[in-house]
Amino acid sequence: MATTTDEPDGGRVPPRTASDAVVAHLEDLIFDHTYGPGDSLPSESELSAELGISRLTVREGVRSLAARGLVEVSHGRRPVVAGPNATQLRDFFSSTVRRDARGLLELLEVRLAIEVHAAELAARNATQPQIDSLAAALRAMTDAKDDDTFTAADMRFHHGITAASGNHMISLIVEGMAEPLKVGRLQSLRGYQQGHPDLGDLLDEHRRILEAIAAHDPAGAARAMRRHLATTRRDLLRAFST
């Protein structure tokens, strides 16, 4: 049977159930790059014969991996290895903020820790097409006719910065925060509008971030992002107080 596992001091907890053994075996196939993103894994019947367990147990193991975002399952087809994604992070952040909307303020602290550094990295690593994409997102923000359109363009701008950082882990973390961040951005936008007749100052903050990235000025990009997120916090607090 091809599910031998390391001893506890080797860094892995031995499987406790047959389903755990399926998970461990498939993790080996994925993490050892036997199968890469987009590849079909062995069928239920093949795994069942190889591991000496029932197809139902194989199915339970595959479903466990699917819930973690490691594989994708479609009816009537073999499971497919998924690319790196933010499935579990997305579920965690969304459920946490749904329990307490003021968790958006804590999420903003997470953004401060991540996005300031992402802006600094983007100023070092951004390619011209990535800078052009940021400029296009800023134009879309400028031309937006309603809050939803503005927020969608705002999210493209910030996601573009994390992509330009060159750090895939940062991109995944920000992707995982996407849904609650959309809620937070709408709230902070409304808070901003309570104290400003137009979006000029807010657009200027984004423009300064873009200019620093385009000038390959890491310190300036970090400083501009920090100031922008300070404004966002002020506006969130204003929205919550009404």
Protein backbone atom coordinates (compact mmCIF):
# COMPACT_ATOMS: atom_id res chain seq x y z
CA MET A 1 0.00 0.00 0.00
CA ALA A 2 1.38 3.40 -1.06
CA THR A 3 0.34 5.39 2.03
CA THR A 4 3.31 4.89 4.32
CA THR A 5 3.79 7.99 6.42
CA ASP A 6 6.59 9.57 8.35
CA GLU A 7 6.89 9.00 12.07
CA PRO A 8 5.54 11.82 14.31
CA ASP A 9 9.04 13.27 14.75
CA GLY A 10 9.33 13.43 10.97
CA GLY A 11 6.88 16.30 10.81
CA ARG A 12 3.63 14.52 9.95
CA VAL A 13 0.81 13.22 12.14
CA PRO A 14 0.12 9.60 11.14
CA PRO A 15 -3.33 8.99 9.62
CA ARG A 16 -5.93 8.02 12.21
CA THR A 17 -8.59 6.79 9.78
CA ALA A 18 -8.72 5.31 6.31
CA SER A 19 -10.03 8.65 5.03
CA ASP A 20 -7.01 10.40 6.58
CA ALA A 21 -4.80 7.93 4.69
CA VAL A 22 -6.45 8.96 1.41
CA VAL A 23 -5.80 12.60 2.23
CA ALA A 24 -2.15 11.92 3.11
CA HIS A 25 -1.61 9.90 -0.05
CA LEU A 26 -3.13 12.54 -2.33
CA GLU A 27 -1.24 15.32 -0.55
CA ASP A 28 1.97 13.44 -1.35
CA LEU A 29 1.00 13.23 -5.02
CA ILE A 30 0.20 16.97 -5.12
CA PHE A 31 2.99 18.41 -2.96
CA ASP A 32 5.65 16.18 -4.49
CA HIS A 33 4.56 17.53 -7.92
CA THR A 34 3.59 14.11 -9.25
CA TYR A 35 0.41 15.92 -10.27
CA GLY A 36 0.30 19.66 -10.90
CA PRO A 37 -2.50 22.24 -11.15
CA GLY A 38 -4.98 21.19 -13.80
CA ASP A 39 -3.95 17.53 -13.75
CA SER A 40 -6.56 14.83 -13.14
CA LEU A 41 -5.89 12.60 -10.15
CA PRO A 42 -6.43 8.82 -10.25
CA SER A 43 -10.07 7.75 -10.26
CA GLU A 44 -11.95 6.54 -7.20
CA SER A 45 -11.70 2.95 -8.37
CA GLU A 46 -7.95 3.22 -8.98
CA LEU A 47 -7.33 4.76 -5.57
CA SER A 48 -9.60 2.24 -3.93
CA ALA A 49 -7.65 -0.66 -5.45
CA GLU A 50 -4.27 0.91 -4.73
CA LEU A 51 -5.02 1.73 -1.09
CA GLY A 52 -7.13 -1.31 -0.32
CA ILE A 53 -10.12 0.69 0.94
CA SER A 54 -13.66 1.37 -0.22
CA ARG A 55 -14.58 3.88 -2.89
CA LEU A 56 -16.79 5.65 -0.33
CA THR A 57 -13.75 6.20 1.89
CA VAL A 58 -11.80 7.51 -1.09
CA ARG A 59 -14.65 9.89 -1.84
CA GLU A 60 -14.61 11.21 1.73
CA GLY A 61 -10.89 11.92 1.49
CA VAL A 62 -11.27 13.70 -1.83
CA ARG A 63 -14.10 15.83 -0.45
CA SER A 64 -11.87 16.81 2.47
CA LEU A 65 -9.21 18.04 0.03
CA ALA A 66 -11.84 19.86 -2.03
CA ALA A 67 -13.03 21.71 1.08
CA ARG A 68 -9.46 22.88 1.60
CA GLY A 69 -9.21 24.11 -1.99
CA LEU A 70 -6.55 21.58 -3.00
CA VAL A 71 -8.67 19.76 -5.57
CA GLU A 72 -11.72 20.55 -7.68
CA VAL A 73 -14.48 17.99 -8.01
CA SER A 74 -17.04 17.77 -10.82
CA HIS A 75 -19.77 15.16 -11.16
CA GLY A 76 -18.72 12.28 -13.36
CA ARG A 77 -15.11 13.41 -13.69
CA ARG A 78 -11.89 12.65 -11.89
CA PRO A 79 -10.80 15.18 -9.25
CA VAL A 80 -8.48 17.83 -10.63
CA VAL A 81 -5.57 19.43 -8.78
CA ALA A 82 -6.40 23.06 -8.06
CA GLY A 83 -3.90 25.86 -8.34
CA PRO A 84 -2.95 27.82 -5.21
CA ASN A 85 -6.04 29.67 -4.04
CA ALA A 86 -7.50 31.54 -1.09
CA THR A 87 -10.56 29.38 -0.46
CA GLN A 88 -10.00 28.78 3.24
CA LEU A 89 -8.83 32.33 3.92
CA ARG A 90 -11.89 33.68 2.13
CA ASP A 91 -14.22 31.59 4.27
CA PHE A 92 -12.40 32.59 7.45
CA PHE A 93 -12.36 36.34 6.83
CA SER A 94 -15.95 36.44 5.54
CA SER A 95 -17.42 34.50 8.47
CA THR A 96 -15.42 36.52 11.00
CA VAL A 97 -16.68 39.86 9.70
CA ARG A 98 -20.26 38.57 9.37
CA ARG A 99 -20.21 37.78 13.10
CA ASP A 100 -19.14 41.34 13.96
CA ALA A 101 -19.12 44.12 11.39
CA ARG A 102 -16.63 46.07 13.51
CA GLY A 103 -14.18 43.32 12.67
CA LEU A 104 -13.64 45.44 9.56
CA LEU A 105 -11.48 47.69 11.73
CA GLU A 106 -9.31 44.73 12.70
CA LEU A 107 -9.16 43.69 9.06
CA LEU A 108 -7.93 47.18 8.28
CA GLU A 109 -5.02 46.59 10.66
CA VAL A 110 -4.23 43.45 8.66
CA ARG A 111 -4.35 45.53 5.48
CA LEU A 112 -1.97 48.03 7.04
CA ALA A 113 0.53 45.29 7.80
CA ILE A 114 0.27 43.76 4.32
CA GLU A 115 -0.52 46.50 1.82
CA VAL A 116 2.08 49.01 2.97
CA HIS A 117 4.76 46.39 2.35
CA ALA A 118 3.07 45.33 -0.89
CA ALA A 119 3.23 48.92 -2.17
CA GLU A 120 6.91 49.05 -1.28
CA LEU A 121 7.56 45.80 -3.16
CA ALA A 122 5.47 46.97 -6.12
CA ALA A 123 7.64 50.08 -6.40
CA ARG A 124 10.63 47.78 -6.70
CA ASN A 125 9.16 45.10 -8.94
CA ALA A 126 6.28 46.49 -11.02
CA THR A 127 6.52 46.04 -14.77
CA GLN A 128 5.26 48.69 -17.15
CA PRO A 129 2.14 46.66 -18.07
CA GLN A 130 1.34 46.36 -14.35
CA ILE A 131 1.77 50.11 -13.88
CA ASP A 132 -0.48 50.67 -16.90
CA SER A 133 -3.09 48.40 -15.33
CA LEU A 134 -2.99 50.43 -12.10
CA ALA A 135 -3.44 53.62 -14.12
CA ALA A 136 -6.44 52.08 -15.90
CA ALA A 137 -8.02 51.16 -12.55
CA LEU A 138 -7.48 54.71 -11.31
CA ARG A 139 -9.15 56.10 -14.46
CA ALA A 140 -12.09 53.78 -13.83
CA MET A 141 -12.36 55.11 -10.29
CA THR A 142 -12.29 58.67 -11.62
CA ASP A 143 -15.01 57.92 -14.18
CA ALA A 144 -17.25 55.87 -11.87
CA LYS A 145 -20.86 57.02 -11.68
CA ASP A 146 -21.89 55.11 -8.55
CA ASP A 147 -20.44 53.64 -5.37
CA ASP A 148 -20.43 50.03 -6.58
CA THR A 149 -18.53 50.88 -9.76
CA PHE A 150 -16.06 53.01 -7.82
CA THR A 151 -15.51 50.23 -5.27
CA ALA A 152 -14.95 47.59 -7.96
CA ALA A 153 -12.29 49.79 -9.59
CA ASP A 154 -10.77 50.53 -6.18
CA MET A 155 -10.43 46.80 -5.54
CA ARG A 156 -8.78 46.30 -8.94
CA PHE A 157 -6.30 49.03 -8.04
CA HIS A 158 -5.32 47.45 -4.73
CA HIS A 159 -5.25 43.92 -6.11
CA GLY A 160 -3.06 45.23 -8.91
CA ILE A 161 -0.58 46.49 -6.33
CA THR A 162 -0.36 43.12 -4.62
CA ALA A 163 0.11 41.42 -7.99
CA ALA A 164 2.86 43.90 -8.86
CA SER A 165 4.58 43.17 -5.55
CA GLY A 166 5.78 39.89 -7.02
CA ASN A 167 4.91 38.07 -3.78
CA HIS A 168 2.33 35.38 -4.50
CA MET A 169 1.58 34.80 -0.81
CA ILE A 170 0.61 38.45 -0.37
CA SER A 171 -1.68 38.22 -3.39
CA LEU A 172 -3.41 35.14 -1.96
CA ILE A 173 -3.94 36.78 1.44
CA VAL A 174 -5.49 39.87 -0.14
CA GLU A 175 -7.60 37.67 -2.42
CA GLY A 176 -8.83 35.86 0.68
CA MET A 177 -9.96 39.16 2.17
CA ALA A 178 -11.77 40.25 -1.01
CA GLU A 179 -15.39 39.86 0.12
CA PRO A 180 -15.14 41.60 3.51
CA LEU A 181 -12.84 44.20 1.95
CA LYS A 182 -15.60 45.06 -0.51
CA VAL A 183 -17.98 45.63 2.41
CA GLY A 184 -15.33 47.67 4.22
CA ARG A 185 -14.60 49.81 1.17
CA LEU A 186 -18.28 50.63 0.68
CA GLN A 187 -18.56 51.57 4.35
CA SER A 188 -15.44 53.73 4.33
CA LEU A 189 -16.54 55.38 1.08
CA ARG A 190 -19.82 56.38 2.65
CA GLY A 191 -17.99 57.65 5.71
CA TYR A 192 -15.70 59.68 3.45
CA GLN A 193 -18.66 61.17 1.59
CA GLN A 194 -20.14 62.43 4.85
CA GLY A 195 -17.25 64.86 5.18
CA HIS A 196 -16.33 65.61 1.56
CA PRO A 197 -18.35 67.08 -1.32
CA ASP A 198 -16.51 65.03 -3.94
CA LEU A 199 -13.97 62.22 -4.33
CA GLY A 200 -11.07 64.47 -5.29
CA ASP A 201 -8.98 63.96 -2.16
CA LEU A 202 -9.55 60.20 -2.18
CA LEU A 203 -8.52 59.96 -5.82
CA ASP A 204 -5.43 62.02 -5.06
CA GLU A 205 -4.39 59.51 -2.40
CA HIS A 206 -4.53 56.70 -4.95
CA ARG A 207 -2.74 58.85 -7.50
CA ARG A 208 0.14 59.46 -5.09
CA ILE A 209 0.48 55.71 -4.53
CA LEU A 210 0.55 55.11 -8.27
CA GLU A 211 3.07 57.89 -8.90
CA ALA A 212 5.45 56.47 -6.28
CA ILE A 213 5.17 52.97 -7.75
CA ALA A 214 5.69 54.27 -11.28
CA ALA A 215 8.73 56.23 -10.08
CA HIS A 216 10.08 53.06 -8.42
CA ASP A 217 10.15 54.87 -5.07
CA PRO A 218 9.59 52.17 -2.40
CA ALA A 219 9.67 54.52 0.58
CA GLY A 220 7.29 56.94 -1.11
CA ALA A 221 4.88 54.16 -2.08
CA ALA A 222 4.84 52.76 1.47
CA ARG A 223 4.28 56.24 2.91
CA ALA A 224 1.44 57.00 0.47
CA MET A 225 -0.27 53.68 1.19
CA ARG A 226 0.03 54.19 4.95
CA ARG A 227 -1.59 57.62 4.67
CA HIS A 228 -4.37 56.23 2.50
CA LEU A 229 -5.18 53.46 4.98
CA ALA A 230 -5.19 55.99 7.81
CA THR A 231 -7.87 57.89 5.88
CA THR A 232 -9.77 54.64 5.37
CA ARG A 233 -9.75 53.98 9.12
CA ARG A 234 -11.02 57.49 9.86
CA ASP A 235 -13.83 57.04 7.34
CA LEU A 236 -14.79 53.61 8.69
CA LEU A 237 -15.07 55.02 12.19
CA ARG A 238 -17.21 57.86 10.86
CA ALA A 239 -19.50 55.38 9.07
CA PHE A 240 -19.89 53.29 12.25
CA SER A 241 -20.74 56.35 14.34
CA THR A 242 -23.81 57.24 12.29
